[in-house]
Amino acid sequence: MSLPRTHTFHGKKYQLILEELDGMCFADGRDCLVVGRDLKIRVGLETLLHEMLHACDWSASEDKVDQSARDMARLLWNLGYRIKK
């Protein structure tokens, strides 16, 4: 199964880039979400969720995004969610 190349958050389409950055999300015309962490480990899942939260709500504080991503990653990980590559 191939990984998706784009995803839409709140009506805005983002290009998904998996490369060697920890994580970044742009909505300034570039509209991309970059995740370089290994998605097979929990910190990778947390980084992906963190950047997805930014894409969904640019007004959320960094602290709120960090905490939400950690909480969601922990629950998903405990439920057994893993990427298989």
PDB file of N, CA and C in Angstrom:
ATOM      1  N   MET A   1       0.850  -1.183   0.000  1.00  0.00           N
ATOM      2  CA  MET A   1       0.000   0.000   0.000  1.00  0.00           C
ATOM      3  C   MET A   1       0.890   1.240   0.000  1.00  0.00           C
ATOM      4  N   SER A   2       0.631   2.164  -0.890  1.00  0.00           N
ATOM      5  CA  SER A   2       1.427   3.392  -0.935  1.00  0.00           C
ATOM      6  C   SER A   2       0.848   4.436   0.017  1.00  0.00           C
ATOM      7  N   LEU A   3       1.720   5.305   0.510  1.00  0.00           N
ATOM      8  CA  LEU A   3       1.297   6.365   1.416  1.00  0.00           C
ATOM      9  C   LEU A   3       0.630   7.486   0.632  1.00  0.00           C
ATOM     10  N   PRO A   4      -0.326   8.186   1.243  1.00  0.00           N
ATOM     11  CA  PRO A   4      -0.982   9.288   0.538  1.00  0.00           C
ATOM     12  C   PRO A   4      -0.014  10.434   0.270  1.00  0.00           C
ATOM     13  N   ARG A   5      -0.254  11.169  -0.802  1.00  0.00           N
ATOM     14  CA  ARG A   5       0.579  12.320  -1.166  1.00  0.00           C
ATOM     15  C   ARG A   5      -0.065  13.641  -0.765  1.00  0.00           C
ATOM     16  N   THR A   6      -1.387  13.631  -0.537  1.00  0.00           N
ATOM     17  CA  THR A   6      -2.104  14.831  -0.117  1.00  0.00           C
ATOM     18  C   THR A   6      -3.153  14.458   0.919  1.00  0.00           C
ATOM     19  N   HIS A   7      -3.620  15.467   1.654  1.00  0.00           N
ATOM     20  CA  HIS A   7      -4.735  15.292   2.575  1.00  0.00           C
ATOM     21  C   HIS A   7      -5.395  16.652   2.769  1.00  0.00           C
ATOM     22  N   THR A   8      -6.710  16.657   2.929  1.00  0.00           N
ATOM     23  CA  THR A   8      -7.460  17.900   3.109  1.00  0.00           C
ATOM     24  C   THR A   8      -7.862  18.048   4.570  1.00  0.00           C
ATOM     25  N   PHE A   9      -7.520  19.201   5.146  1.00  0.00           N
ATOM     26  CA  PHE A   9      -7.900  19.561   6.512  1.00  0.00           C
ATOM     27  C   PHE A   9      -8.774  20.800   6.439  1.00  0.00           C
ATOM     28  N   HIS A  10     -10.001  20.699   6.951  1.00  0.00           N
ATOM     29  CA  HIS A  10     -10.927  21.837   6.974  1.00  0.00           C
ATOM     30  C   HIS A  10     -11.023  22.512   5.612  1.00  0.00           C
ATOM     31  N   GLY A  11     -11.118  21.719   4.561  1.00  0.00           N
ATOM     32  CA  GLY A  11     -11.321  22.226   3.216  1.00  0.00           C
ATOM     33  C   GLY A  11     -10.065  22.693   2.493  1.00  0.00           C
ATOM     34  N   LYS A  12      -8.911  22.640   3.132  1.00  0.00           N
ATOM     35  CA  LYS A  12      -7.656  23.087   2.515  1.00  0.00           C
ATOM     36  C   LYS A  12      -6.794  21.858   2.235  1.00  0.00           C
ATOM     37  N   LYS A  13      -6.396  21.697   0.989  1.00  0.00           N
ATOM     38  CA  LYS A  13      -5.612  20.528   0.580  1.00  0.00           C
ATOM     39  C   LYS A  13      -4.129  20.783   0.833  1.00  0.00           C
ATOM     40  N   TYR A  14      -3.487  19.859   1.538  1.00  0.00           N
ATOM     41  CA  TYR A  14      -2.069  19.935   1.861  1.00  0.00           C
ATOM     42  C   TYR A  14      -1.313  18.829   1.147  1.00  0.00           C
ATOM     43  N   GLN A  15      -0.128  19.158   0.670  1.00  0.00           N
ATOM     44  CA  GLN A  15       0.781  18.155   0.129  1.00  0.00           C
ATOM     45  C   GLN A  15       1.470  17.502   1.323  1.00  0.00           C
ATOM     46  N   LEU A  16       1.557  16.194   1.353  1.00  0.00           N
ATOM     47  CA  LEU A  16       2.218  15.457   2.432  1.00  0.00           C
ATOM     48  C   LEU A  16       3.627  15.116   1.990  1.00  0.00           C
ATOM     49  N   ILE A  17       4.619  15.603   2.734  1.00  0.00           N
ATOM     50  CA  ILE A  17       6.022  15.381   2.399  1.00  0.00           C
ATOM     51  C   ILE A  17       6.676  14.632   3.549  1.00  0.00           C
ATOM     52  N   LEU A  18       7.209  13.471   3.274  1.00  0.00           N
ATOM     53  CA  LEU A  18       7.897  12.686   4.288  1.00  0.00           C
ATOM     54  C   LEU A  18       9.385  12.812   4.009  1.00  0.00           C
ATOM     55  N   GLU A  19      10.067  13.631   4.809  1.00  0.00           N
ATOM     56  CA  GLU A  19      11.499  13.844   4.598  1.00  0.00           C
ATOM     57  C   GLU A  19      12.195  14.069   5.927  1.00  0.00           C
ATOM     58  N   GLU A  20      13.434  14.504   5.893  1.00  0.00           N
ATOM     59  CA  GLU A  20      14.286  14.496   7.064  1.00  0.00           C
ATOM     60  C   GLU A  20      14.149  15.686   7.996  1.00  0.00           C
ATOM     61  N   LEU A  21      12.988  16.263   8.104  1.00  0.00           N
ATOM     62  CA  LEU A  21      12.713  17.292   9.107  1.00  0.00           C
ATOM     63  C   LEU A  21      11.847  16.645  10.177  1.00  0.00           C
ATOM     64  N   ASP A  22      11.912  17.149  11.401  1.00  0.00           N
ATOM     65  CA  ASP A  22      11.052  16.584  12.437  1.00  0.00           C
ATOM     66  C   ASP A  22       9.587  16.774  12.073  1.00  0.00           C
ATOM     67  N   GLY A  23       9.213  17.991  11.719  1.00  0.00           N
ATOM     68  CA  GLY A  23       7.842  18.252  11.312  1.00  0.00           C
ATOM     69  C   GLY A  23       7.607  19.737  11.128  1.00  0.00           C
ATOM     70  N   MET A  24       6.853  20.070  10.114  1.00  0.00           N
ATOM     71  CA  MET A  24       6.478  21.451   9.842  1.00  0.00           C
ATOM     72  C   MET A  24       5.179  21.434   9.048  1.00  0.00           C
ATOM     73  N   CYS A  25       4.421  22.508   9.181  1.00  0.00           N
ATOM     74  CA  CYS A  25       3.196  22.640   8.419  1.00  0.00           C
ATOM     75  C   CYS A  25       3.132  24.072   7.903  1.00  0.00           C
ATOM     76  N   PHE A  26       2.890  24.230   6.616  1.00  0.00           N
ATOM     77  CA  PHE A  26       2.807  25.550   5.995  1.00  0.00           C
ATOM     78  C   PHE A  26       1.424  25.750   5.396  1.00  0.00           C
ATOM     79  N   ALA A  27       0.881  26.945   5.541  1.00  0.00           N
ATOM     80  CA  ALA A  27      -0.377  27.291   4.885  1.00  0.00           C
ATOM     81  C   ALA A  27      -0.254  28.676   4.270  1.00  0.00           C
ATOM     82  N   ASP A  28       0.909  28.979   3.729  1.00  0.00           N
ATOM     83  CA  ASP A  28       1.183  30.303   3.183  1.00  0.00           C
ATOM     84  C   ASP A  28       1.314  30.272   1.669  1.00  0.00           C
ATOM     85  N   GLY A  29       0.541  29.412   1.049  1.00  0.00           N
ATOM     86  CA  GLY A  29       0.646  29.244  -0.398  1.00  0.00           C
ATOM     87  C   GLY A  29       1.359  27.955  -0.759  1.00  0.00           C
ATOM     88  N   ARG A  30       2.250  27.505   0.117  1.00  0.00           N
ATOM     89  CA  ARG A  30       2.926  26.226  -0.124  1.00  0.00           C
ATOM     90  C   ARG A  30       2.020  25.065   0.284  1.00  0.00           C
ATOM     91  N   ASP A  31       1.225  25.284   1.309  1.00  0.00           N
ATOM     92  CA  ASP A  31       0.249  24.306   1.786  1.00  0.00           C
ATOM     93  C   ASP A  31       0.794  22.888   1.816  1.00  0.00           C
ATOM     94  N   CYS A  32       1.749  22.667   2.709  1.00  0.00           N
ATOM     95  CA  CYS A  32       2.299  21.326   2.832  1.00  0.00           C
ATOM     96  C   CYS A  32       2.512  20.984   4.300  1.00  0.00           C
ATOM     97  N   LEU A  33       2.489  19.724   4.558  1.00  0.00           N
ATOM     98  CA  LEU A  33       2.707  19.179   5.881  1.00  0.00           C
ATOM     99  C   LEU A  33       3.910  18.252   5.763  1.00  0.00           C
ATOM    100  N   VAL A  34       4.967  18.545   6.512  1.00  0.00           N
ATOM    101  CA  VAL A  34       6.228  17.797   6.407  1.00  0.00           C
ATOM    102  C   VAL A  34       6.436  16.994   7.685  1.00  0.00           C
ATOM    103  N   VAL A  35       6.649  15.712   7.552  1.00  0.00           N
ATOM    104  CA  VAL A  35       6.938  14.855   8.704  1.00  0.00           C
ATOM    105  C   VAL A  35       8.119  13.966   8.344  1.00  0.00           C
ATOM    106  N   GLY A  36       9.213  14.117   9.084  1.00  0.00           N
ATOM    107  CA  GLY A  36      10.403  13.340   8.805  1.00  0.00           C
ATOM    108  C   GLY A  36      10.686  12.268   9.839  1.00  0.00           C
ATOM    109  N   ARG A  37       9.906  12.257  10.892  1.00  0.00           N
ATOM    110  CA  ARG A  37      10.108  11.234  11.919  1.00  0.00           C
ATOM    111  C   ARG A  37       9.682   9.873  11.398  1.00  0.00           C
ATOM    112  N   ASP A  38      10.258   8.834  11.960  1.00  0.00           N
ATOM    113  CA  ASP A  38       9.889   7.464  11.611  1.00  0.00           C
ATOM    114  C   ASP A  38       8.454   7.219  12.075  1.00  0.00           C
ATOM    115  N   LEU A  39       7.563   6.996  11.146  1.00  0.00           N
ATOM    116  CA  LEU A  39       6.145   6.822  11.475  1.00  0.00           C
ATOM    117  C   LEU A  39       5.847   5.470  12.112  1.00  0.00           C
ATOM    118  N   LYS A  40       6.849   4.598  12.223  1.00  0.00           N
ATOM    119  CA  LYS A  40       6.637   3.298  12.863  1.00  0.00           C
ATOM    120  C   LYS A  40       6.861   3.362  14.372  1.00  0.00           C
ATOM    121  N   ILE A  41       7.302   4.533  14.881  1.00  0.00           N
ATOM    122  CA  ILE A  41       7.504   4.692  16.322  1.00  0.00           C
ATOM    123  C   ILE A  41       6.547   5.755  16.854  1.00  0.00           C
ATOM    124  N   ARG A  42       6.304   5.721  18.156  1.00  0.00           N
ATOM    125  CA  ARG A  42       5.288   6.598  18.738  1.00  0.00           C
ATOM    126  C   ARG A  42       5.594   8.079  18.537  1.00  0.00           C
ATOM    127  N   VAL A  43       6.854   8.494  18.631  1.00  0.00           N
ATOM    128  CA  VAL A  43       7.178   9.908  18.445  1.00  0.00           C
ATOM    129  C   VAL A  43       6.872  10.338  17.009  1.00  0.00           C
ATOM    130  N   GLY A  44       6.970   9.443  16.061  1.00  0.00           N
ATOM    131  CA  GLY A  44       6.590   9.752  14.691  1.00  0.00           C
ATOM    132  C   GLY A  44       5.097   9.996  14.565  1.00  0.00           C
ATOM    133  N   LEU A  45       4.304   9.153  15.204  1.00  0.00           N
ATOM    134  CA  LEU A  45       2.859   9.332  15.228  1.00  0.00           C
ATOM    135  C   LEU A  45       2.513  10.658  15.897  1.00  0.00           C
ATOM    136  N   GLU A  46       3.174  10.955  17.002  1.00  0.00           N
ATOM    137  CA  GLU A  46       2.927  12.212  17.711  1.00  0.00           C
ATOM    138  C   GLU A  46       3.268  13.424  16.836  1.00  0.00           C
ATOM    139  N   THR A  47       4.382  13.360  16.120  1.00  0.00           N
ATOM    140  CA  THR A  47       4.783  14.459  15.242  1.00  0.00           C
ATOM    141  C   THR A  47       3.764  14.652  14.123  1.00  0.00           C
ATOM    142  N   LEU A  48       3.307  13.559  13.529  1.00  0.00           N
ATOM    143  CA  LEU A  48       2.299  13.639  12.483  1.00  0.00           C
ATOM    144  C   LEU A  48       1.022  14.284  13.013  1.00  0.00           C
ATOM    145  N   LEU A  49       0.556  13.842  14.177  1.00  0.00           N
ATOM    146  CA  LEU A  49      -0.650  14.418  14.772  1.00  0.00           C
ATOM    147  C   LEU A  49      -0.458  15.899  15.082  1.00  0.00           C
ATOM    148  N   HIS A  50       0.713  16.265  15.590  1.00  0.00           N
ATOM    149  CA  HIS A  50       1.023  17.655  15.913  1.00  0.00           C
ATOM    150  C   HIS A  50       0.855  18.542  14.673  1.00  0.00           C
ATOM    151  N   GLU A  51       1.452  18.136  13.566  1.00  0.00           N
ATOM    152  CA  GLU A  51       1.374  18.945  12.348  1.00  0.00           C
ATOM    153  C   GLU A  51      -0.036  18.941  11.762  1.00  0.00           C
ATOM    154  N   MET A  52      -0.761  17.836  11.905  1.00  0.00           N
ATOM    155  CA  MET A  52      -2.151  17.788  11.458  1.00  0.00           C
ATOM    156  C   MET A  52      -3.009  18.754  12.261  1.00  0.00           C
ATOM    157  N   LEU A  53      -2.757  18.856  13.562  1.00  0.00           N
ATOM    158  CA  LEU A  53      -3.505  19.799  14.395  1.00  0.00           C
ATOM    159  C   LEU A  53      -3.252  21.237  13.971  1.00  0.00           C
ATOM    160  N   HIS A  54      -2.010  21.564  13.626  1.00  0.00           N
ATOM    161  CA  HIS A  54      -1.732  22.909  13.099  1.00  0.00           C
ATOM    162  C   HIS A  54      -2.546  23.148  11.828  1.00  0.00           C
ATOM    163  N   ALA A  55      -2.591  22.162  10.939  1.00  0.00           N
ATOM    164  CA  ALA A  55      -3.330  22.320   9.688  1.00  0.00           C
ATOM    165  C   ALA A  55      -4.822  22.533   9.944  1.00  0.00           C
ATOM    166  N   CYS A  56      -5.334  21.927  11.001  1.00  0.00           N
ATOM    167  CA  CYS A  56      -6.765  22.056  11.325  1.00  0.00           C
ATOM    168  C   CYS A  56      -7.101  23.370  12.019  1.00  0.00           C
ATOM    169  N   ASP A  57      -6.162  23.904  12.803  1.00  0.00           N
ATOM    170  CA  ASP A  57      -6.461  25.110  13.588  1.00  0.00           C
ATOM    171  C   ASP A  57      -5.191  25.914  13.832  1.00  0.00           C
ATOM    172  N   TRP A  58      -4.938  26.886  12.964  1.00  0.00           N
ATOM    173  CA  TRP A  58      -3.736  27.709  13.084  1.00  0.00           C
ATOM    174  C   TRP A  58      -3.771  28.621  14.298  1.00  0.00           C
ATOM    175  N   SER A  59      -4.931  28.816  14.907  1.00  0.00           N
ATOM    176  CA  SER A  59      -5.009  29.710  16.066  1.00  0.00           C
ATOM    177  C   SER A  59      -4.655  29.006  17.375  1.00  0.00           C
ATOM    178  N   ALA A  60      -4.570  27.682  17.366  1.00  0.00           N
ATOM    179  CA  ALA A  60      -4.249  26.936  18.593  1.00  0.00           C
ATOM    180  C   ALA A  60      -2.805  27.216  19.005  1.00  0.00           C
ATOM    181  N   SER A  61      -2.604  27.371  20.301  1.00  0.00           N
ATOM    182  CA  SER A  61      -1.250  27.628  20.807  1.00  0.00           C
ATOM    183  C   SER A  61      -0.371  26.391  20.635  1.00  0.00           C
ATOM    184  N   GLU A  62       0.936  26.621  20.592  1.00  0.00           N
ATOM    185  CA  GLU A  62       1.890  25.515  20.465  1.00  0.00           C
ATOM    186  C   GLU A  62       1.755  24.559  21.649  1.00  0.00           C
ATOM    187  N   ASP A  63       1.552  25.097  22.855  1.00  0.00           N
ATOM    188  CA  ASP A  63       1.375  24.243  24.038  1.00  0.00           C
ATOM    189  C   ASP A  63       0.149  23.342  23.897  1.00  0.00           C
ATOM    190  N   LYS A  64      -0.959  23.916  23.415  1.00  0.00           N
ATOM    191  CA  LYS A  64      -2.187  23.135  23.251  1.00  0.00           C
ATOM    192  C   LYS A  64      -1.988  22.053  22.181  1.00  0.00           C
ATOM    193  N   VAL A  65      -1.341  22.413  21.080  1.00  0.00           N
ATOM    194  CA  VAL A  65      -1.080  21.442  20.010  1.00  0.00           C
ATOM    195  C   VAL A  65      -0.170  20.327  20.517  1.00  0.00           C
ATOM    196  N   ASP A  66       0.895  20.692  21.253  1.00  0.00           N
ATOM    197  CA  ASP A  66       1.807  19.682  21.815  1.00  0.00           C
ATOM    198  C   ASP A  66       1.065  18.702  22.712  1.00  0.00           C
ATOM    199  N   GLN A  67       0.300  19.231  23.652  1.00  0.00           N
ATOM    200  CA  GLN A  67      -0.409  18.376  24.613  1.00  0.00           C
ATOM    201  C   GLN A  67      -1.436  17.493  23.913  1.00  0.00           C
ATOM    202  N   SER A  68      -2.185  18.072  22.993  1.00  0.00           N
ATOM    203  CA  SER A  68      -3.205  17.296  22.270  1.00  0.00           C
ATOM    204  C   SER A  68      -2.572  16.176  21.454  1.00  0.00           C
ATOM    205  N   ALA A  69      -1.474  16.479  20.767  1.00  0.00           N
ATOM    206  CA  ALA A  69      -0.796  15.468  19.961  1.00  0.00           C
ATOM    207  C   ALA A  69      -0.262  14.341  20.834  1.00  0.00           C
ATOM    208  N   ARG A  70       0.327  14.697  21.975  1.00  0.00           N
ATOM    209  CA  ARG A  70       0.838  13.667  22.903  1.00  0.00           C
ATOM    210  C   ARG A  70      -0.291  12.776  23.398  1.00  0.00           C
ATOM    211  N   ASP A  71      -1.398  13.400  23.807  1.00  0.00           N
ATOM    212  CA  ASP A  71      -2.534  12.636  24.333  1.00  0.00           C
ATOM    213  C   ASP A  71      -3.128  11.709  23.277  1.00  0.00           C
ATOM    214  N   MET A  72      -3.305  12.224  22.070  1.00  0.00           N
ATOM    215  CA  MET A  72      -3.880  11.399  21.000  1.00  0.00           C
ATOM    216  C   MET A  72      -2.935  10.280  20.590  1.00  0.00           C
ATOM    217  N   ALA A  73      -1.642  10.590  20.480  1.00  0.00           N
ATOM    218  CA  ALA A  73      -0.664   9.565  20.099  1.00  0.00           C
ATOM    219  C   ALA A  73      -0.616   8.453  21.144  1.00  0.00           C
ATOM    220  N   ARG A  74      -0.651   8.822  22.407  1.00  0.00           N
ATOM    221  CA  ARG A  74      -0.601   7.816  23.468  1.00  0.00           C
ATOM    222  C   ARG A  74      -1.801   6.871  23.377  1.00  0.00           C
ATOM    223  N   LEU A  75      -3.001   7.432  23.184  1.00  0.00           N
ATOM    224  CA  LEU A  75      -4.195   6.595  23.078  1.00  0.00           C
ATOM    225  C   LEU A  75      -4.141   5.712  21.836  1.00  0.00           C
ATOM    226  N   LEU A  76      -3.825   6.300  20.687  1.00  0.00           N
ATOM    227  CA  LEU A  76      -3.753   5.505  19.457  1.00  0.00           C
ATOM    228  C   LEU A  76      -2.704   4.405  19.568  1.00  0.00           C
ATOM    229  N   TRP A  77      -1.549   4.726  20.158  1.00  0.00           N
ATOM    230  CA  TRP A  77      -0.481   3.732  20.329  1.00  0.00           C
ATOM    231  C   TRP A  77      -0.953   2.596  21.238  1.00  0.00           C
ATOM    232  N   ASN A  78      -1.617   2.961  22.338  1.00  0.00           N
ATOM    233  CA  ASN A  78      -2.123   1.953  23.266  1.00  0.00           C
ATOM    234  C   ASN A  78      -3.223   1.085  22.661  1.00  0.00           C
ATOM    235  N   LEU A  79      -3.916   1.633  21.665  1.00  0.00           N
ATOM    236  CA  LEU A  79      -4.928   0.872  20.942  1.00  0.00           C
ATOM    237  C   LEU A  79      -4.317  -0.011  19.850  1.00  0.00           C
ATOM    238  N   GLY A  80      -3.027   0.141  19.616  1.00  0.00           N
ATOM    239  CA  GLY A  80      -2.336  -0.726  18.676  1.00  0.00           C
ATOM    240  C   GLY A  80      -2.141  -0.154  17.277  1.00  0.00           C
ATOM    241  N   TYR A  81      -2.425   1.137  17.106  1.00  0.00           N
ATOM    242  CA  TYR A  81      -2.224   1.734  15.777  1.00  0.00           C
ATOM    243  C   TYR A  81      -0.759   1.829  15.443  1.00  0.00           C
ATOM    244  N   ARG A  82      -0.384   1.256  14.292  1.00  0.00           N
ATOM    245  CA  ARG A  82       0.998   1.260  13.815  1.00  0.00           C
ATOM    246  C   ARG A  82       0.970   1.369  12.298  1.00  0.00           C
ATOM    247  N   ILE A  83       1.976   2.002  11.734  1.00  0.00           N
ATOM    248  CA  ILE A  83       2.115   2.017  10.282  1.00  0.00           C
ATOM    249  C   ILE A  83       2.928   0.795   9.891  1.00  0.00           C
ATOM    250  N   LYS A  84       2.555   0.203   8.795  1.00  0.00           N
ATOM    251  CA  LYS A  84       3.283  -0.975   8.294  1.00  0.00           C
ATOM    252  C   LYS A  84       3.888  -0.586   6.968  1.00  0.00           C
ATOM    253  N   LYS A  85       5.222  -0.534   6.926  1.00  0.00           N
ATOM    254  CA  LYS A  85       5.920  -0.200   5.672  1.00  0.00           C
ATOM    255  C   LYS A  85       6.814  -1.339   5.296  1.00  0.00           C
TER     256      LYS A  85
END
